Each structure stands twice: as C-alpha cells, then as structure tokens.
Amino acid sequence: MNRMDEAHGLLSGLLNTFATAQSLAVKWEGVIADPSTATYLREWLLPGQFEGHHLGPDAPNAGPIIYQVDIVTSISGWGAAYGIAKLFFGSPYFYRGQTLSNAGNTTRIVVRSGQSGPATREDTKYVLPLSVTARAYMTI
C-alpha cells in the first residue's frame, strides 16, 4: 500500500462513518456496482502535485488533495441533498480544521475547506457534488 492509498483510506473511512450514521449507501471508487437505493453517495480522490514539506532528506511529502463526494438522489426532489450536505460539512465529519491520521502517523490529512455544488442532472438522477479540499502530509 502506498501513502496515497492510505490517504484515500482515511477519507473513505470517515465517509463510511458519515454514511452509516445517515443510513446512506456509498458507491466506492473502483467498484462497478451501483447502489439500488434512491439516494446514495459516490466518492473519488483527486490528488495534486506533491513536494517536500521542508528542507532535508527526511522531509515529508505534502500536497493538495480534493476528496469529491456526490450526493445522488432522485430527480423529483433536491431538498434532501442539501440537508445531507449540511450534515456532511459539520462536526464531526468534514469540517475545516479536521485532522485525520493513520496509526503510525505516516499519513496525515488536514481539511482546509468544503463546498457544495453546482448540482447537475444525470439521466433520472439529481447530483449535488461536495468537494473537500485538504492538504496531505506523507512520510517517505
């Protein structure tokens, strides 16, 4: 497992905690099946360019990441999606300043901001994207 897998795992773990608390299914990145529920979440990780966080050969790599989570619901109503988004960006989930780290503290993520929208239509679904902008720090 590489450090980017660890970063994705930390974010996916928090998403799983959120989804379980809200009784929502999740379509995980790289999994071909679509949930059969009317409302579900889907996720993927978008990493940016990483570089040394400070001088020296042992400096951790650091870089920006965007964790994209879509709220997918039926086209008949969009109110539920915005209610879910409000909970998503609140404590104890993806709020500004939230820090996630693995057991060995070799990968650490600090959430910088989050925003929703703009919403779009996909066939018979309404999709509200949620973007979590964070900074990841990874030992080499």
C-alpha atoms as a PDB file:
ATOM      1  CA  MET A   1       0.000   0.000   0.000  1.00  0.00           C
ATOM      2  CA  ASN A   2       1.366   3.417  -0.864  1.00  0.00           C
ATOM      3  CA  ARG A   3       0.767   6.645   1.033  1.00  0.00           C
ATOM      4  CA  MET A   4      -1.921   7.876  -1.411  1.00  0.00           C
ATOM      5  CA  ASP A   5      -3.866   4.666  -0.719  1.00  0.00           C
ATOM      6  CA  GLU A   6      -3.548   5.456   2.979  1.00  0.00           C
ATOM      7  CA  ALA A   7      -4.847   8.999   2.412  1.00  0.00           C
ATOM      8  CA  HIS A   8      -7.780   7.665   0.410  1.00  0.00           C
ATOM      9  CA  GLY A   9      -8.440   5.103   3.139  1.00  0.00           C
ATOM     10  CA  LEU A  10      -8.562   7.774   5.845  1.00  0.00           C
ATOM     11  CA  LEU A  11     -11.065   9.850   3.891  1.00  0.00           C
ATOM     12  CA  SER A  12     -13.130   6.819   2.868  1.00  0.00           C
ATOM     13  CA  GLY A  13     -13.214   5.673   6.477  1.00  0.00           C
ATOM     14  CA  LEU A  14     -14.651   8.999   7.585  1.00  0.00           C
ATOM     15  CA  LEU A  15     -17.142   8.894   4.700  1.00  0.00           C
ATOM     16  CA  ASN A  16     -18.182   5.400   5.770  1.00  0.00           C
ATOM     17  CA  THR A  17     -18.770   6.659   9.322  1.00  0.00           C
ATOM     18  CA  PHE A  18     -20.888   9.523   7.962  1.00  0.00           C
ATOM     19  CA  ALA A  19     -22.845   7.280   5.561  1.00  0.00           C
ATOM     20  CA  THR A  20     -23.554   4.733   8.295  1.00  0.00           C
ATOM     21  CA  ALA A  21     -24.815   7.465  10.638  1.00  0.00           C
ATOM     22  CA  GLN A  22     -27.136   8.765   7.892  1.00  0.00           C
ATOM     23  CA  SER A  23     -28.188   5.278   6.664  1.00  0.00           C
ATOM     24  CA  LEU A  24     -26.819   6.003   3.180  1.00  0.00           C
ATOM     25  CA  ALA A  25     -25.206   3.603   0.734  1.00  0.00           C
ATOM     26  CA  VAL A  26     -21.869   4.514  -0.893  1.00  0.00           C
ATOM     27  CA  LYS A  27     -20.597   3.746  -4.391  1.00  0.00           C
ATOM     28  CA  TRP A  28     -16.881   3.380  -3.747  1.00  0.00           C
ATOM     29  CA  GLU A  29     -14.282   4.416  -6.304  1.00  0.00           C
ATOM     30  CA  GLY A  30     -13.218   1.455  -8.426  1.00  0.00           C
ATOM     31  CA  VAL A  31     -16.293  -0.642  -7.575  1.00  0.00           C
ATOM     32  CA  ILE A  32     -18.542  -1.385 -10.542  1.00  0.00           C
ATOM     33  CA  ALA A  33     -21.890  -1.901  -8.728  1.00  0.00           C
ATOM     34  CA  ASP A  34     -24.347   0.979  -8.274  1.00  0.00           C
ATOM     35  CA  PRO A  35     -26.369   1.081  -5.051  1.00  0.00           C
ATOM     36  CA  SER A  36     -30.031   0.230  -5.535  1.00  0.00           C
ATOM     37  CA  THR A  37     -31.251   2.882  -3.080  1.00  0.00           C
ATOM     38  CA  ALA A  38     -32.917   6.103  -4.252  1.00  0.00           C
ATOM     39  CA  THR A  39     -30.305   8.272  -2.518  1.00  0.00           C
ATOM     40  CA  TYR A  40     -26.645   7.319  -2.194  1.00  0.00           C
ATOM     41  CA  LEU A  41     -23.144   8.789  -2.099  1.00  0.00           C
ATOM     42  CA  ARG A  42     -20.278   8.188  -4.512  1.00  0.00           C
ATOM     43  CA  GLU A  43     -16.658   9.162  -3.973  1.00  0.00           C
ATOM     44  CA  TRP A  44     -13.225   9.551  -5.508  1.00  0.00           C
ATOM     45  CA  LEU A  45      -9.925  11.190  -4.661  1.00  0.00           C
ATOM     46  CA  LEU A  46      -8.177  13.792  -6.825  1.00  0.00           C
ATOM     47  CA  PRO A  47      -4.529  14.312  -5.761  1.00  0.00           C
ATOM     48  CA  GLY A  48      -2.495  17.350  -6.703  1.00  0.00           C
ATOM     49  CA  GLN A  49       1.253  17.859  -7.105  1.00  0.00           C
ATOM     50  CA  PHE A  50       3.258  16.792  -4.034  1.00  0.00           C
ATOM     51  CA  GLU A  51       6.638  18.182  -2.965  1.00  0.00           C
ATOM     52  CA  GLY A  52       8.920  18.203   0.068  1.00  0.00           C
ATOM     53  CA  HIS A  53       7.217  19.918   3.015  1.00  0.00           C
ATOM     54  CA  HIS A  54      10.504  21.360   4.322  1.00  0.00           C
ATOM     55  CA  LEU A  55      14.242  21.032   3.690  1.00  0.00           C
ATOM     56  CA  GLY A  56      16.154  17.845   4.293  1.00  0.00           C
ATOM     57  CA  PRO A  57      16.109  14.271   3.015  1.00  0.00           C
ATOM     58  CA  ASP A  58      13.627  13.106   5.661  1.00  0.00           C
ATOM     59  CA  ALA A  59      11.047  15.811   4.965  1.00  0.00           C
ATOM     60  CA  PRO A  60       7.524  14.508   4.445  1.00  0.00           C
ATOM     61  CA  ASN A  61       5.859  14.982   1.097  1.00  0.00           C
ATOM     62  CA  ALA A  62       2.958  17.397   1.170  1.00  0.00           C
ATOM     63  CA  GLY A  63       0.372  18.363  -1.371  1.00  0.00           C
ATOM     64  CA  PRO A  64      -3.206  19.312  -2.067  1.00  0.00           C
ATOM     65  CA  ILE A  65      -5.993  16.785  -2.475  1.00  0.00           C
ATOM     66  CA  ILE A  66      -9.660  17.102  -3.292  1.00  0.00           C
ATOM     67  CA  TYR A  67     -11.998  14.455  -1.981  1.00  0.00           C
ATOM     68  CA  GLN A  68     -15.069  14.502  -4.210  1.00  0.00           C
ATOM     69  CA  VAL A  69     -18.323  13.070  -2.858  1.00  0.00           C
ATOM     70  CA  ASP A  70     -21.538  13.262  -4.861  1.00  0.00           C
ATOM     71  CA  ILE A  71     -24.976  13.034  -3.324  1.00  0.00           C
ATOM     72  CA  VAL A  72     -27.049  11.177  -5.898  1.00  0.00           C
ATOM     73  CA  THR A  73     -30.815  11.259  -5.452  1.00  0.00           C
ATOM     74  CA  SER A  74     -33.988  11.066  -7.498  1.00  0.00           C
ATOM     75  CA  ILE A  75     -34.796  13.918  -9.862  1.00  0.00           C
ATOM     76  CA  SER A  76     -38.102  14.549  -8.099  1.00  0.00           C
ATOM     77  CA  GLY A  77     -36.592  16.494  -5.226  1.00  0.00           C
ATOM     78  CA  TRP A  78     -33.367  18.236  -4.334  1.00  0.00           C
ATOM     79  CA  GLY A  79     -34.130  19.301  -0.746  1.00  0.00           C
ATOM     80  CA  ALA A  80     -32.808  16.078   0.792  1.00  0.00           C
ATOM     81  CA  ALA A  81     -29.447  16.511  -0.963  1.00  0.00           C
ATOM     82  CA  TYR A  82     -28.865  19.917   0.637  1.00  0.00           C
ATOM     83  CA  GLY A  83     -29.848  18.547   4.050  1.00  0.00           C
ATOM     84  CA  ILE A  84     -27.262  15.790   3.668  1.00  0.00           C
ATOM     85  CA  ALA A  85     -24.640  18.334   2.536  1.00  0.00           C
ATOM     86  CA  LYS A  86     -25.212  20.433   5.655  1.00  0.00           C
ATOM     87  CA  LEU A  87     -24.567  17.410   7.881  1.00  0.00           C
ATOM     88  CA  PHE A  88     -21.563  16.329   5.763  1.00  0.00           C
ATOM     89  CA  PHE A  89     -19.671  19.600   6.319  1.00  0.00           C
ATOM     90  CA  GLY A  90     -20.435  19.757  10.048  1.00  0.00           C
ATOM     91  CA  SER A  91     -18.604  18.347  13.027  1.00  0.00           C
ATOM     92  CA  PRO A  92     -17.551  15.542  13.490  1.00  0.00           C
ATOM     93  CA  TYR A  93     -17.232  14.909   9.743  1.00  0.00           C
ATOM     94  CA  PHE A  94     -15.606  17.034   7.004  1.00  0.00           C
ATOM     95  CA  TYR A  95     -15.267  20.415   8.720  1.00  0.00           C
ATOM     96  CA  ARG A  96     -12.489  22.989   8.345  1.00  0.00           C
ATOM     97  CA  GLY A  97      -9.521  22.049  10.533  1.00  0.00           C
ATOM     98  CA  GLN A  98     -10.488  18.361  10.788  1.00  0.00           C
ATOM     99  CA  THR A  99      -7.310  16.253  11.031  1.00  0.00           C
ATOM    100  CA  LEU A 100      -7.091  12.576  10.089  1.00  0.00           C
ATOM    101  CA  SER A 101      -4.040  10.378  10.574  1.00  0.00           C
ATOM    102  CA  ASN A 102      -3.186   6.714  10.450  1.00  0.00           C
ATOM    103  CA  ALA A 103      -1.918   4.655  13.394  1.00  0.00           C
ATOM    104  CA  GLY A 104       1.761   5.194  12.558  1.00  0.00           C
ATOM    105  CA  ASN A 105       1.175   8.896  11.815  1.00  0.00           C
ATOM    106  CA  THR A 106       2.899   8.379   8.449  1.00  0.00           C
ATOM    107  CA  THR A 107      -0.059   9.933   6.636  1.00  0.00           C
ATOM    108  CA  ARG A 108      -1.911  12.984   7.925  1.00  0.00           C
ATOM    109  CA  ILE A 109      -4.712  14.953   6.267  1.00  0.00           C
ATOM    110  CA  VAL A 110      -5.908  18.419   7.276  1.00  0.00           C
ATOM    111  CA  VAL A 111      -9.234  19.596   5.844  1.00  0.00           C
ATOM    112  CA  ARG A 112      -8.953  23.162   4.574  1.00  0.00           C
ATOM    113  CA  SER A 113     -12.429  23.823   3.211  1.00  0.00           C
ATOM    114  CA  GLY A 114     -15.553  22.280   1.796  1.00  0.00           C
ATOM    115  CA  GLN A 115     -18.226  23.400  -0.597  1.00  0.00           C
ATOM    116  CA  SER A 116     -21.200  22.029  -2.448  1.00  0.00           C
ATOM    117  CA  GLY A 117     -22.500  22.473  -5.987  1.00  0.00           C
ATOM    118  CA  PRO A 118     -23.332  23.268  -8.580  1.00  0.00           C
ATOM    119  CA  ALA A 119     -25.880  20.493  -8.920  1.00  0.00           C
ATOM    120  CA  THR A 120     -26.477  18.697 -12.213  1.00  0.00           C
ATOM    121  CA  ARG A 121     -28.779  16.099 -13.733  1.00  0.00           C
ATOM    122  CA  GLU A 122     -27.644  12.637 -14.804  1.00  0.00           C
ATOM    123  CA  ASP A 123     -30.400  10.740 -16.608  1.00  0.00           C
ATOM    124  CA  THR A 124     -33.055  10.303 -13.905  1.00  0.00           C
ATOM    125  CA  LYS A 125     -30.837  11.443 -11.015  1.00  0.00           C
ATOM    126  CA  TYR A 126     -30.085  14.735  -9.319  1.00  0.00           C
ATOM    127  CA  VAL A 127     -26.401  15.053  -8.360  1.00  0.00           C
ATOM    128  CA  LEU A 128     -25.031  17.501  -5.799  1.00  0.00           C
ATOM    129  CA  PRO A 129     -21.201  17.406  -5.689  1.00  0.00           C
ATOM    130  CA  LEU A 130     -19.396  18.031  -2.405  1.00  0.00           C
ATOM    131  CA  SER A 131     -15.729  18.990  -2.623  1.00  0.00           C
ATOM    132  CA  VAL A 132     -13.420  18.654   0.379  1.00  0.00           C
ATOM    133  CA  THR A 133     -10.148  20.477  -0.163  1.00  0.00           C
ATOM    134  CA  ALA A 134      -7.360  19.234   2.080  1.00  0.00           C
ATOM    135  CA  ARG A 135      -3.618  19.074   2.489  1.00  0.00           C
ATOM    136  CA  ALA A 136      -1.964  15.686   2.861  1.00  0.00           C
ATOM    137  CA  TYR A 137       1.381  15.071   4.593  1.00  0.00           C
ATOM    138  CA  MET A 138       3.113  11.737   3.983  1.00  0.00           C
ATOM    139  CA  THR A 139       6.423  10.385   5.177  1.00  0.00           C
ATOM    140  CA  ILE A 140       8.651   8.899   2.521  1.00  0.00           C
END
